[in-house]
Structures are given as structure tokens and as C-alpha cells.
């Protein structure tokens, strides 16, 4: 069963990313990463990573937790091909 707090944080983070409010997304991610992070948490962190190295690290963590996470897998394959 999904954690209600994580679900709420993930929705807020996605909303912030969609509104290009990366500072807000990063602020919420600091909380989410401390509270039972999931593959989705790490995928979202990769979306606002400040460096390619950091982005790759977050995607690898997402895929370690859930090798079938389609968003993380597609993004990881994209950056590997770049």
C-alpha cells in the first residue's frame, strides 16, 4: 500500500516540476528523500538534478528499487545514449 505522505509529496513535486518551480520541487524532495524514498522519489529527484552525474545517480537508485519503472528506465537509456 502506498504511503499517503509520499503520494502527497510526489503529487506536489510533479506539480512543481510541471510549473517549472524547481526550487519548490527540490525543497519537497528533501523531505521525500528522508521519508521512505521510493523509485518514484528518486526518479523525480533526477528530473530536477543539477548535474548529469547527479541525475544518473538518482536514476540508478530508482532502477535499483524498481527495475521495471518505465519513466526511470526510459530516461536512463536516453542519458546513456547521449
Protein backbone atom coordinates (compact mmCIF):
# COMPACT_ATOMS: atom_id res chain seq x y z
CA UNK A 1 0.00 0.00 0.00
CA UNK A 2 1.47 3.37 -1.00
CA UNK A 3 2.49 5.69 1.80
CA UNK A 4 -0.04 8.58 1.91
CA UNK A 5 2.62 11.17 2.76
CA UNK A 6 4.86 10.04 -0.11
CA UNK A 7 1.90 10.09 -2.51
CA UNK A 8 1.03 13.64 -1.46
CA UNK A 9 4.67 14.75 -1.75
CA UNK A 10 5.06 13.12 -5.17
CA UNK A 11 1.97 14.89 -6.49
CA UNK A 12 3.23 18.24 -5.19
CA UNK A 13 6.69 17.63 -6.65
CA UNK A 14 5.25 16.72 -10.07
CA UNK A 15 3.04 19.82 -9.96
CA UNK A 16 6.05 22.00 -9.10
CA UNK A 17 8.09 20.47 -11.93
CA UNK A 18 5.23 20.99 -14.39
CA UNK A 19 5.02 24.63 -13.28
CA UNK A 20 8.83 24.99 -13.65
CA UNK A 21 9.14 25.76 -9.93
CA UNK A 22 12.30 23.73 -9.46
CA UNK A 23 13.21 25.33 -6.13
CA UNK A 24 9.88 24.18 -4.67
CA UNK A 25 10.32 20.72 -6.19
CA UNK A 26 13.81 20.41 -4.68
CA UNK A 27 12.56 21.59 -1.30
CA UNK A 28 9.79 18.98 -1.28
CA UNK A 29 12.23 16.32 -2.47
CA UNK A 30 14.46 16.92 0.54
CA UNK A 31 11.53 15.81 2.69
CA UNK A 32 10.53 12.94 0.40
CA UNK A 33 14.07 11.56 0.28
CA UNK A 34 14.14 11.39 4.08
CA UNK A 35 10.74 9.66 4.36
CA UNK A 36 10.83 6.15 2.88
CA UNK A 37 12.03 7.11 -0.62
CA UNK A 38 10.68 5.02 -3.47
CA UNK A 39 11.72 4.55 -7.08
CA UNK A 40 9.35 7.39 -7.98
CA UNK A 41 11.02 9.65 -5.41
CA UNK A 42 14.42 9.05 -6.98
CA UNK A 43 13.01 9.45 -10.49
CA UNK A 44 11.53 12.82 -9.54
CA UNK A 45 14.85 13.81 -7.97
CA UNK A 46 16.54 13.00 -11.27
CA UNK A 47 14.17 15.41 -13.03
CA UNK A 48 15.48 18.35 -11.01
CA UNK A 49 19.10 17.21 -10.62
CA UNK A 50 21.61 19.97 -11.16
CA UNK A 51 24.27 17.85 -12.85
CA UNK A 52 24.30 14.91 -15.25
CA UNK A 53 26.21 12.86 -12.66
CA UNK A 54 23.57 13.55 -10.01
CA UNK A 55 20.77 12.74 -12.49
CA UNK A 56 22.37 9.40 -13.35
CA UNK A 57 22.84 8.56 -9.66
CA UNK A 58 19.16 9.17 -8.91
CA UNK A 59 18.03 7.15 -11.92
CA UNK A 60 20.24 4.25 -10.88
CA UNK A 61 18.73 4.34 -7.38
CA UNK A 62 15.23 4.39 -8.88
CA UNK A 63 16.02 1.38 -11.04
CA UNK A 64 17.66 -0.46 -8.13
CA UNK A 65 14.37 -0.16 -6.24
CA UNK A 66 12.15 -0.87 -9.23
CA UNK A 67 13.86 -2.24 -12.35
CA UNK A 68 10.52 -2.02 -14.19
CA UNK A 69 9.95 1.70 -13.58
CA UNK A 70 9.26 2.79 -17.14
CA UNK A 71 9.91 6.50 -16.64
CA UNK A 72 13.27 5.94 -14.95
CA UNK A 73 14.30 3.28 -17.46
CA UNK A 74 13.47 5.46 -20.47
CA UNK A 75 15.31 8.46 -19.03
CA UNK A 76 18.32 6.31 -18.05
CA UNK A 77 18.54 4.85 -21.54
CA UNK A 78 18.28 8.35 -23.02
CA UNK A 79 21.16 9.74 -20.95
CA UNK A 80 23.30 6.66 -21.63
CA UNK A 81 22.84 7.22 -25.37
CA UNK A 82 23.79 10.92 -25.10
